[in-house]
């Protein structure tokens, strides 16, 4: 099972791989289902234009992740792998509000120094949250799930565009 959507369950507030694992286990199937999460710094418009993009694929079983990487990856769509589906899922979900705030602050006129401080604080916060949820802290500091996705979304994604509009609509 490859999860390619981001977010939390509206019923339990759990990340999607956690909800999926519980439902799969409850079903008591006679075969094993491995969960993987696809999330990362690819913008749909860049993928459509054939630009070089990257994403992160994280899963419970390295063999399944490697097979999916072979299926998804191309010379122009680079798939990085991880064994942290919780952290990868959280990074994909959490980058949206942080990207909105970043873009709003930039449009509001905050300087690069402040924006850098904000990004550092956001990363520190997501590491604490991720660790509390069972994620590997390195997913937010050393993988392709957090920084590249946060940057791409803040600079050119929908959340960044929304934040930019919010920052421009401020009262002076």
N, C-alpha and C. Protein backbone atom coordinates (compact mmCIF):
# COMPACT_ATOMS: atom_id res chain seq x y z
N UNK A 1 0.86 -1.18 0.00
CA UNK A 1 0.00 0.00 0.00
C UNK A 1 0.89 1.22 0.00
N UNK A 2 0.76 2.05 -1.02
CA UNK A 2 1.54 3.29 -1.06
C UNK A 2 0.59 4.46 -0.83
N UNK A 3 0.85 5.21 0.21
CA UNK A 3 0.04 6.38 0.54
C UNK A 3 0.70 7.60 -0.11
N UNK A 4 -0.03 8.28 -0.95
CA UNK A 4 0.51 9.45 -1.65
C UNK A 4 -0.28 10.71 -1.31
N UNK A 5 -1.06 10.65 -0.25
CA UNK A 5 -1.78 11.84 0.21
C UNK A 5 -1.19 12.26 1.54
N UNK A 6 -1.45 13.48 1.93
CA UNK A 6 -0.87 14.02 3.14
C UNK A 6 -1.97 14.36 4.13
N UNK A 7 -1.65 14.28 5.40
CA UNK A 7 -2.60 14.75 6.38
C UNK A 7 -2.81 13.79 7.53
N UNK A 8 -3.84 14.12 8.28
CA UNK A 8 -4.20 13.39 9.47
C UNK A 8 -5.63 12.90 9.32
N UNK A 9 -5.96 11.81 9.99
CA UNK A 9 -7.33 11.32 10.01
C UNK A 9 -8.21 12.34 10.72
N UNK A 10 -9.34 12.69 10.12
CA UNK A 10 -10.26 13.62 10.78
C UNK A 10 -10.97 12.95 11.96
N UNK A 11 -10.95 11.63 12.02
CA UNK A 11 -11.60 10.91 13.12
C UNK A 11 -10.69 10.74 14.33
N UNK A 12 -9.40 10.46 14.08
CA UNK A 12 -8.49 10.12 15.18
C UNK A 12 -7.32 11.08 15.35
N UNK A 13 -7.11 11.96 14.41
CA UNK A 13 -5.97 12.88 14.37
C UNK A 13 -4.64 12.14 14.23
N UNK A 14 -4.70 10.90 13.78
CA UNK A 14 -3.48 10.12 13.55
C UNK A 14 -3.02 10.30 12.11
N UNK A 15 -1.71 10.12 11.90
CA UNK A 15 -1.17 10.15 10.56
C UNK A 15 -1.71 8.97 9.75
N UNK A 16 -1.79 9.15 8.45
CA UNK A 16 -2.41 8.14 7.59
C UNK A 16 -1.73 6.77 7.64
N UNK A 17 -0.40 6.66 7.75
CA UNK A 17 0.17 5.31 7.85
C UNK A 17 -0.22 4.59 9.15
N UNK A 18 -0.44 5.34 10.21
CA UNK A 18 -0.87 4.75 11.48
C UNK A 18 -2.29 4.22 11.35
N UNK A 19 -3.16 5.03 10.79
CA UNK A 19 -4.56 4.62 10.58
C UNK A 19 -4.61 3.40 9.66
N UNK A 20 -3.84 3.44 8.59
CA UNK A 20 -3.83 2.32 7.64
C UNK A 20 -3.36 1.04 8.30
N UNK A 21 -2.28 1.13 9.06
CA UNK A 21 -1.75 -0.07 9.72
C UNK A 21 -2.79 -0.66 10.67
N UNK A 22 -3.47 0.18 11.42
CA UNK A 22 -4.50 -0.31 12.35
C UNK A 22 -5.62 -1.02 11.60
N UNK A 23 -6.07 -0.43 10.49
CA UNK A 23 -7.16 -1.04 9.71
C UNK A 23 -6.71 -2.35 9.07
N UNK A 24 -5.50 -2.39 8.59
CA UNK A 24 -4.98 -3.62 7.97
C UNK A 24 -4.86 -4.71 9.03
N UNK A 25 -4.30 -4.37 10.17
CA UNK A 25 -4.15 -5.37 11.24
C UNK A 25 -5.51 -5.87 11.74
N UNK A 26 -6.47 -4.96 11.84
CA UNK A 26 -7.81 -5.33 12.30
C UNK A 26 -8.50 -6.27 11.31
N UNK A 27 -8.19 -6.13 10.03
CA UNK A 27 -8.82 -6.95 9.00
C UNK A 27 -8.35 -8.41 9.05
N UNK A 28 -7.25 -8.67 9.71
CA UNK A 28 -6.71 -10.04 9.86
C UNK A 28 -6.66 -10.76 8.50
N UNK A 29 -5.98 -10.13 7.57
CA UNK A 29 -5.84 -10.69 6.22
C UNK A 29 -4.92 -11.90 6.24
N UNK A 30 -5.04 -12.73 5.25
CA UNK A 30 -4.17 -13.91 5.17
C UNK A 30 -2.89 -13.63 4.40
N UNK A 31 -2.63 -12.38 4.10
CA UNK A 31 -1.39 -12.00 3.44
C UNK A 31 -0.88 -10.69 4.05
N UNK A 32 0.40 -10.45 3.88
CA UNK A 32 1.03 -9.28 4.46
C UNK A 32 0.86 -8.07 3.54
N UNK A 33 0.58 -6.92 4.13
CA UNK A 33 0.52 -5.67 3.38
C UNK A 33 1.56 -4.74 3.98
N UNK A 34 2.47 -4.27 3.13
CA UNK A 34 3.50 -3.35 3.56
C UNK A 34 3.05 -1.93 3.23
N UNK A 35 3.25 -1.02 4.16
CA UNK A 35 2.84 0.36 3.96
C UNK A 35 4.06 1.21 3.59
N UNK A 36 3.90 2.01 2.54
CA UNK A 36 4.91 2.99 2.14
C UNK A 36 4.23 4.34 2.00
N UNK A 37 5.01 5.38 2.16
CA UNK A 37 4.52 6.75 2.05
C UNK A 37 5.36 7.47 1.01
N UNK A 38 4.71 8.14 0.07
CA UNK A 38 5.38 8.94 -0.95
C UNK A 38 5.10 10.40 -0.64
N UNK A 39 6.15 11.16 -0.41
CA UNK A 39 5.97 12.57 -0.09
C UNK A 39 7.27 13.29 -0.39
N UNK A 40 7.14 14.50 -0.83
CA UNK A 40 8.40 15.20 -1.02
C UNK A 40 8.32 16.37 -1.95
N UNK A 41 9.45 16.82 -2.24
CA UNK A 41 9.62 18.14 -2.83
C UNK A 41 9.27 18.23 -4.30
N UNK A 42 8.33 17.45 -4.73
CA UNK A 42 7.94 17.57 -6.13
C UNK A 42 6.68 18.42 -6.24
N UNK A 43 6.73 19.35 -7.13
CA UNK A 43 5.55 20.18 -7.42
C UNK A 43 4.92 19.62 -8.69
N UNK A 44 3.61 19.46 -8.69
CA UNK A 44 2.91 18.86 -9.84
C UNK A 44 3.27 19.57 -11.14
N UNK A 45 3.34 20.89 -11.10
CA UNK A 45 3.64 21.63 -12.33
C UNK A 45 5.03 21.29 -12.85
N UNK A 46 5.99 21.06 -11.97
CA UNK A 46 7.34 20.70 -12.40
C UNK A 46 7.38 19.28 -12.97
N UNK A 47 6.64 18.38 -12.35
CA UNK A 47 6.58 17.01 -12.86
C UNK A 47 5.95 17.01 -14.25
N UNK A 48 4.86 17.74 -14.42
CA UNK A 48 4.16 17.80 -15.72
C UNK A 48 5.07 18.38 -16.80
N UNK A 49 5.87 19.39 -16.45
CA UNK A 49 6.77 20.00 -17.42
C UNK A 49 8.01 19.15 -17.69
N UNK A 50 8.18 18.06 -16.94
CA UNK A 50 9.33 17.19 -17.14
C UNK A 50 10.62 17.72 -16.53
N UNK A 51 10.49 18.64 -15.58
CA UNK A 51 11.68 19.15 -14.90
C UNK A 51 12.24 18.08 -13.97
N UNK A 52 13.50 18.19 -13.65
CA UNK A 52 14.09 17.24 -12.71
C UNK A 52 13.51 17.52 -11.33
N UNK A 53 12.93 16.49 -10.72
CA UNK A 53 12.26 16.60 -9.43
C UNK A 53 12.71 15.45 -8.55
N UNK A 54 12.44 15.59 -7.27
CA UNK A 54 12.73 14.49 -6.36
C UNK A 54 11.58 14.31 -5.38
N UNK A 55 11.55 13.13 -4.80
CA UNK A 55 10.54 12.81 -3.82
C UNK A 55 11.15 11.86 -2.81
N UNK A 56 10.45 11.62 -1.72
CA UNK A 56 10.91 10.63 -0.75
C UNK A 56 9.87 9.53 -0.64
N UNK A 57 10.35 8.31 -0.64
CA UNK A 57 9.52 7.13 -0.47
C UNK A 57 10.02 6.42 0.78
N UNK A 58 9.13 6.27 1.75
CA UNK A 58 9.51 5.64 3.01
C UNK A 58 8.58 4.48 3.28
N UNK A 59 9.14 3.40 3.81
CA UNK A 59 8.30 2.25 4.07
C UNK A 59 8.83 1.35 5.15
N UNK A 60 7.96 0.42 5.51
CA UNK A 60 8.24 -0.52 6.58
C UNK A 60 9.23 -1.61 6.15
N UNK A 61 9.19 -1.99 4.91
CA UNK A 61 10.02 -3.09 4.41
C UNK A 61 10.93 -2.59 3.28
N UNK A 62 12.24 -2.64 3.49
CA UNK A 62 13.17 -2.14 2.47
C UNK A 62 12.98 -2.77 1.09
N UNK A 63 12.63 -4.05 1.05
CA UNK A 63 12.45 -4.72 -0.24
C UNK A 63 11.28 -4.09 -1.01
N UNK A 64 10.20 -3.80 -0.32
CA UNK A 64 9.04 -3.17 -0.96
C UNK A 64 9.37 -1.77 -1.43
N UNK A 65 10.09 -1.03 -0.59
CA UNK A 65 10.48 0.34 -0.95
C UNK A 65 11.38 0.31 -2.19
N UNK A 66 12.32 -0.63 -2.24
CA UNK A 66 13.21 -0.71 -3.40
C UNK A 66 12.44 -1.05 -4.68
N UNK A 67 11.45 -1.94 -4.58
CA UNK A 67 10.64 -2.28 -5.77
C UNK A 67 9.84 -1.07 -6.24
N UNK A 68 9.24 -0.36 -5.29
CA UNK A 68 8.47 0.84 -5.66
C UNK A 68 9.38 1.91 -6.26
N UNK A 69 10.57 2.05 -5.71
CA UNK A 69 11.52 3.03 -6.25
C UNK A 69 11.83 2.72 -7.72
N UNK A 70 12.02 1.46 -8.04
CA UNK A 70 12.28 1.06 -9.43
C UNK A 70 11.10 1.40 -10.33
N UNK A 71 9.88 1.22 -9.83
CA UNK A 71 8.68 1.51 -10.62
C UNK A 71 8.47 3.00 -10.84
N UNK A 72 8.75 3.81 -9.81
CA UNK A 72 8.44 5.24 -9.85
C UNK A 72 9.57 6.10 -10.41
N UNK A 73 10.79 5.73 -10.13
CA UNK A 73 11.93 6.58 -10.47
C UNK A 73 12.24 6.62 -11.95
N UNK A 74 12.68 7.78 -12.37
CA UNK A 74 13.18 7.98 -13.74
C UNK A 74 14.39 8.90 -13.62
N UNK A 75 15.12 9.09 -14.70
CA UNK A 75 16.25 10.03 -14.61
C UNK A 75 15.81 11.46 -14.25
N UNK A 76 14.54 11.79 -14.48
CA UNK A 76 14.05 13.14 -14.19
C UNK A 76 13.15 13.18 -12.95
N UNK A 77 12.84 12.03 -12.38
CA UNK A 77 12.04 11.94 -11.16
C UNK A 77 12.82 11.06 -10.18
N UNK A 78 13.60 11.70 -9.36
CA UNK A 78 14.52 11.01 -8.47
C UNK A 78 13.80 10.62 -7.18
N UNK A 79 13.86 9.35 -6.85
CA UNK A 79 13.20 8.83 -5.66
C UNK A 79 14.25 8.51 -4.60
N UNK A 80 14.19 9.23 -3.49
CA UNK A 80 15.05 8.95 -2.35
C UNK A 80 14.26 8.06 -1.39
N UNK A 81 14.94 7.19 -0.68
CA UNK A 81 14.23 6.25 0.18
C UNK A 81 14.56 6.47 1.66
N UNK A 82 13.65 5.99 2.49
CA UNK A 82 13.77 6.11 3.94
C UNK A 82 13.03 4.94 4.58
N UNK A 83 13.39 4.67 5.81
CA UNK A 83 12.66 3.65 6.57
C UNK A 83 11.75 4.28 7.62
N UNK A 84 11.40 5.54 7.41
CA UNK A 84 10.59 6.28 8.39
C UNK A 84 9.29 6.80 7.76
N UNK A 85 8.28 5.92 7.61
CA UNK A 85 7.02 6.40 7.02
C UNK A 85 6.29 7.41 7.91
N UNK A 86 6.45 7.32 9.23
CA UNK A 86 5.79 8.28 10.12
C UNK A 86 6.37 9.67 9.91
N UNK A 87 7.70 9.79 9.95
CA UNK A 87 8.34 11.09 9.75
C UNK A 87 8.09 11.66 8.37
N UNK A 88 8.13 10.79 7.36
CA UNK A 88 7.90 11.25 5.99
C UNK A 88 6.47 11.76 5.83
N UNK A 89 5.54 11.04 6.42
CA UNK A 89 4.13 11.46 6.37
C UNK A 89 3.92 12.78 7.11
N UNK A 90 4.50 12.89 8.29
CA UNK A 90 4.38 14.13 9.06
C UNK A 90 5.01 15.31 8.33
N UNK A 91 6.18 15.10 7.76
CA UNK A 91 6.85 16.18 7.03
C UNK A 91 5.96 16.69 5.89
N UNK A 92 5.35 15.77 5.16
CA UNK A 92 4.47 16.17 4.06
C UNK A 92 3.25 16.92 4.51
N UNK A 93 2.70 16.54 5.66
CA UNK A 93 1.51 17.22 6.17
C UNK A 93 1.85 18.56 6.81
N UNK A 94 2.94 18.60 7.55
CA UNK A 94 3.26 19.80 8.34
C UNK A 94 3.89 20.92 7.52
N UNK A 95 4.46 20.60 6.40
CA UNK A 95 5.14 21.65 5.64
C UNK A 95 4.17 22.70 5.10
N UNK A 96 2.91 22.34 4.93
CA UNK A 96 1.95 23.30 4.37
C UNK A 96 1.70 24.52 5.26
N UNK A 97 1.36 24.34 6.53
CA UNK A 97 1.16 25.55 7.35
C UNK A 97 2.44 26.36 7.53
N UNK A 98 3.57 25.67 7.67
CA UNK A 98 4.83 26.41 7.82
C UNK A 98 5.17 27.18 6.55
N UNK A 99 4.89 26.60 5.40
CA UNK A 99 5.14 27.29 4.12
C UNK A 99 4.24 28.50 3.97
N UNK A 100 3.00 28.38 4.40
CA UNK A 100 2.08 29.51 4.34
C UNK A 100 2.57 30.66 5.21
N UNK A 101 2.98 30.34 6.42
CA UNK A 101 3.47 31.37 7.33
C UNK A 101 4.74 32.02 6.78
N UNK A 102 5.65 31.21 6.26
CA UNK A 102 6.89 31.73 5.69
C UNK A 102 6.59 32.72 4.57
N UNK A 103 5.74 32.31 3.63
CA UNK A 103 5.43 33.17 2.48
C UNK A 103 4.70 34.44 2.92
N UNK A 104 3.81 34.33 3.90
CA UNK A 104 3.11 35.51 4.40
C UNK A 104 4.09 36.47 5.06
N UNK A 105 5.01 35.94 5.85
CA UNK A 105 6.01 36.79 6.51
C UNK A 105 6.90 37.48 5.48
N UNK A 106 7.26 36.76 4.43
CA UNK A 106 8.09 37.35 3.37
C UNK A 106 7.34 38.47 2.66
N UNK A 107 6.08 38.20 2.31
CA UNK A 107 5.28 39.22 1.63
C UNK A 107 5.01 40.41 2.55
N UNK A 108 4.94 40.15 3.83
CA UNK A 108 4.72 41.21 4.82
C UNK A 108 5.94 42.12 4.96
N UNK A 109 7.09 41.63 4.48
CA UNK A 109 8.29 42.45 4.50
C UNK A 109 9.34 42.00 5.50
N UNK A 110 9.18 40.82 6.05
CA UNK A 110 10.20 40.31 6.97
C UNK A 110 11.48 40.04 6.20
N UNK A 111 12.61 40.31 6.82
CA UNK A 111 13.91 40.14 6.17
C UNK A 111 14.36 38.69 6.12
N UNK A 112 15.39 38.47 5.32
CA UNK A 112 15.93 37.12 5.15
C UNK A 112 16.42 36.54 6.47
N UNK A 113 16.97 37.40 7.35
CA UNK A 113 17.44 36.92 8.64
C UNK A 113 16.28 36.35 9.45
N UNK A 114 15.18 37.08 9.50
CA UNK A 114 14.00 36.62 10.23
C UNK A 114 13.46 35.33 9.61
N UNK A 115 13.40 35.29 8.28
CA UNK A 115 12.88 34.11 7.60
C UNK A 115 13.75 32.88 7.89
N UNK A 116 15.05 33.08 7.94
CA UNK A 116 15.95 31.98 8.32
C UNK A 116 15.71 31.52 9.74
N UNK A 117 15.50 32.48 10.64
CA UNK A 117 15.18 32.14 12.03
C UNK A 117 13.87 31.36 12.11
N UNK A 118 12.89 31.78 11.33
CA UNK A 118 11.61 31.09 11.31
C UNK A 118 11.78 29.64 10.86
N UNK A 119 12.53 29.43 9.78
CA UNK A 119 12.75 28.08 9.27
C UNK A 119 13.47 27.21 10.30
N UNK A 120 14.42 27.80 11.00
CA UNK A 120 15.13 27.04 12.03
C UNK A 120 14.16 26.66 13.16
N UNK A 121 13.33 27.61 13.59
CA UNK A 121 12.37 27.33 14.65
C UNK A 121 11.34 26.30 14.20
N UNK A 122 10.90 26.39 12.96
CA UNK A 122 9.93 25.42 12.43
C UNK A 122 10.54 24.02 12.43
N UNK A 123 11.79 23.92 12.04
CA UNK A 123 12.44 22.62 12.02
C UNK A 123 12.60 22.07 13.43
N UNK A 124 12.98 22.91 14.36
CA UNK A 124 13.11 22.48 15.75
C UNK A 124 11.76 21.97 16.28
N UNK A 125 10.71 22.68 15.94
CA UNK A 125 9.37 22.29 16.38
C UNK A 125 8.92 20.97 15.76
N UNK A 126 9.17 20.79 14.47
CA UNK A 126 8.74 19.56 13.80
C UNK A 126 9.56 18.36 14.28
N UNK A 127 10.81 18.58 14.65
CA UNK A 127 11.62 17.49 15.22
C UNK A 127 11.01 17.04 16.54
N UNK A 128 10.61 17.99 17.38
CA UNK A 128 9.98 17.64 18.67
C UNK A 128 8.67 16.88 18.45
N UNK A 129 7.83 17.38 17.57
CA UNK A 129 6.56 16.72 17.30
C UNK A 129 6.78 15.34 16.69
N UNK A 130 7.65 15.27 15.70
CA UNK A 130 7.93 13.99 15.05
C UNK A 130 8.47 12.96 16.02
N UNK A 131 9.38 13.37 16.87
CA UNK A 131 9.94 12.46 17.86
C UNK A 131 8.84 11.95 18.79
N UNK A 132 7.95 12.83 19.19
CA UNK A 132 6.84 12.43 20.07
C UNK A 132 5.92 11.42 19.38
N UNK A 133 5.82 11.49 18.06
CA UNK A 133 4.95 10.57 17.31
C UNK A 133 5.67 9.30 16.88
N UNK A 134 6.95 9.20 17.21
CA UNK A 134 7.70 8.00 16.88
C UNK A 134 8.54 8.09 15.62
N UNK A 135 8.69 9.27 15.06
CA UNK A 135 9.51 9.46 13.86
C UNK A 135 10.99 9.55 14.23
N UNK A 136 11.82 9.30 13.25
CA UNK A 136 13.26 9.47 13.41
C UNK A 136 13.56 10.96 13.24
N UNK A 137 14.18 11.61 14.22
CA UNK A 137 14.47 13.04 14.10
C UNK A 137 15.28 13.39 12.85
N UNK A 138 16.11 12.46 12.37
CA UNK A 138 16.93 12.72 11.19
C UNK A 138 16.08 12.91 9.93
N UNK A 139 14.85 12.42 9.95
CA UNK A 139 13.96 12.62 8.80
C UNK A 139 13.76 14.11 8.54
N UNK A 140 13.84 14.92 9.57
CA UNK A 140 13.59 16.36 9.43
C UNK A 140 14.87 17.18 9.27
N UNK A 141 16.01 16.53 9.42
CA UNK A 141 17.27 17.27 9.31
C UNK A 141 18.21 16.70 8.26
N UNK A 142 18.03 15.43 7.89
CA UNK A 142 18.99 14.80 6.98
C UNK A 142 18.36 14.06 5.81
N UNK A 143 17.06 14.16 5.63
CA UNK A 143 16.43 13.44 4.52
C UNK A 143 15.82 14.43 3.53
N UNK A 144 15.18 13.89 2.54
CA UNK A 144 14.54 14.71 1.50
C UNK A 144 13.08 15.00 1.81
N UNK A 145 12.60 14.57 2.97
CA UNK A 145 11.19 14.73 3.29
C UNK A 145 10.84 16.12 3.81
N UNK A 146 11.73 16.77 4.54
CA UNK A 146 11.36 18.03 5.19
C UNK A 146 11.89 19.25 4.46
N UNK A 147 13.18 19.48 4.47
CA UNK A 147 13.72 20.72 3.93
C UNK A 147 13.39 20.97 2.46
N UNK A 148 13.66 20.02 1.57
CA UNK A 148 13.35 20.30 0.16
C UNK A 148 11.85 20.54 -0.08
N UNK A 149 11.00 19.79 0.62
CA UNK A 149 9.55 19.95 0.45
C UNK A 149 9.08 21.28 1.03
N UNK A 150 9.59 21.63 2.20
CA UNK A 150 9.25 22.91 2.81
C UNK A 150 9.67 24.07 1.90
N UNK A 151 10.87 23.99 1.37
CA UNK A 151 11.38 25.04 0.49
C UNK A 151 10.53 25.15 -0.78
N UNK A 152 10.31 24.01 -1.45
CA UNK A 152 9.55 24.04 -2.71
C UNK A 152 8.14 24.57 -2.49
N UNK A 153 7.51 24.15 -1.40
CA UNK A 153 6.14 24.58 -1.13
C UNK A 153 6.10 26.06 -0.77
N UNK A 154 7.05 26.53 0.02
CA UNK A 154 7.08 27.95 0.39
C UNK A 154 7.37 28.84 -0.81
N UNK A 155 8.20 28.38 -1.72
CA UNK A 155 8.61 29.21 -2.85
C UNK A 155 7.65 29.15 -4.03
N UNK A 156 7.04 27.98 -4.27
CA UNK A 156 6.26 27.84 -5.50
C UNK A 156 5.00 26.99 -5.36
N UNK A 157 4.74 26.46 -4.19
CA UNK A 157 3.56 25.61 -4.01
C UNK A 157 2.31 26.42 -3.68
N UNK A 158 1.19 25.73 -3.61
CA UNK A 158 -0.09 26.40 -3.31
C UNK A 158 -0.06 27.09 -1.95
N UNK A 159 0.54 26.44 -0.95
CA UNK A 159 0.58 27.04 0.38
C UNK A 159 1.41 28.32 0.38
N UNK A 160 2.51 28.31 -0.36
CA UNK A 160 3.33 29.51 -0.47
C UNK A 160 2.60 30.63 -1.20
N UNK A 161 1.88 30.28 -2.25
CA UNK A 161 1.12 31.29 -2.99
C UNK A 161 0.01 31.87 -2.12
N UNK A 162 -0.64 31.02 -1.34
CA UNK A 162 -1.67 31.49 -0.42
C UNK A 162 -1.07 32.41 0.64
N UNK A 163 0.05 32.01 1.21
CA UNK A 163 0.72 32.84 2.22
C UNK A 163 1.14 34.19 1.65
N UNK A 164 1.61 34.18 0.42
CA UNK A 164 2.00 35.43 -0.23
C UNK A 164 0.80 36.38 -0.35
N UNK A 165 -0.34 35.84 -0.73
CA UNK A 165 -1.55 36.66 -0.82
C UNK A 165 -1.97 37.19 0.55
N UNK A 166 -1.86 36.34 1.57
CA UNK A 166 -2.18 36.79 2.93
C UNK A 166 -1.28 37.94 3.36
N UNK A 167 0.01 37.82 3.08
CA UNK A 167 0.96 38.86 3.46
C UNK A 167 0.72 40.16 2.71
N UNK A 168 0.28 40.07 1.49
CA UNK A 168 0.00 41.28 0.70
C UNK A 168 -1.30 41.96 1.14
N UNK A 169 -2.21 41.21 1.75
CA UNK A 169 -3.52 41.76 2.15
C UNK A 169 -3.49 42.42 3.53
N UNK A 170 -2.34 42.50 4.14
CA UNK A 170 -2.26 43.07 5.49
C UNK A 170 -2.69 44.53 5.50
N UNK A 171 -3.16 44.96 6.62
CA UNK A 171 -3.50 46.38 6.74
C UNK A 171 -2.24 47.14 7.11
N UNK A 172 -2.06 48.32 6.56
CA UNK A 172 -0.84 49.09 6.82
C UNK A 172 -1.06 50.16 7.86
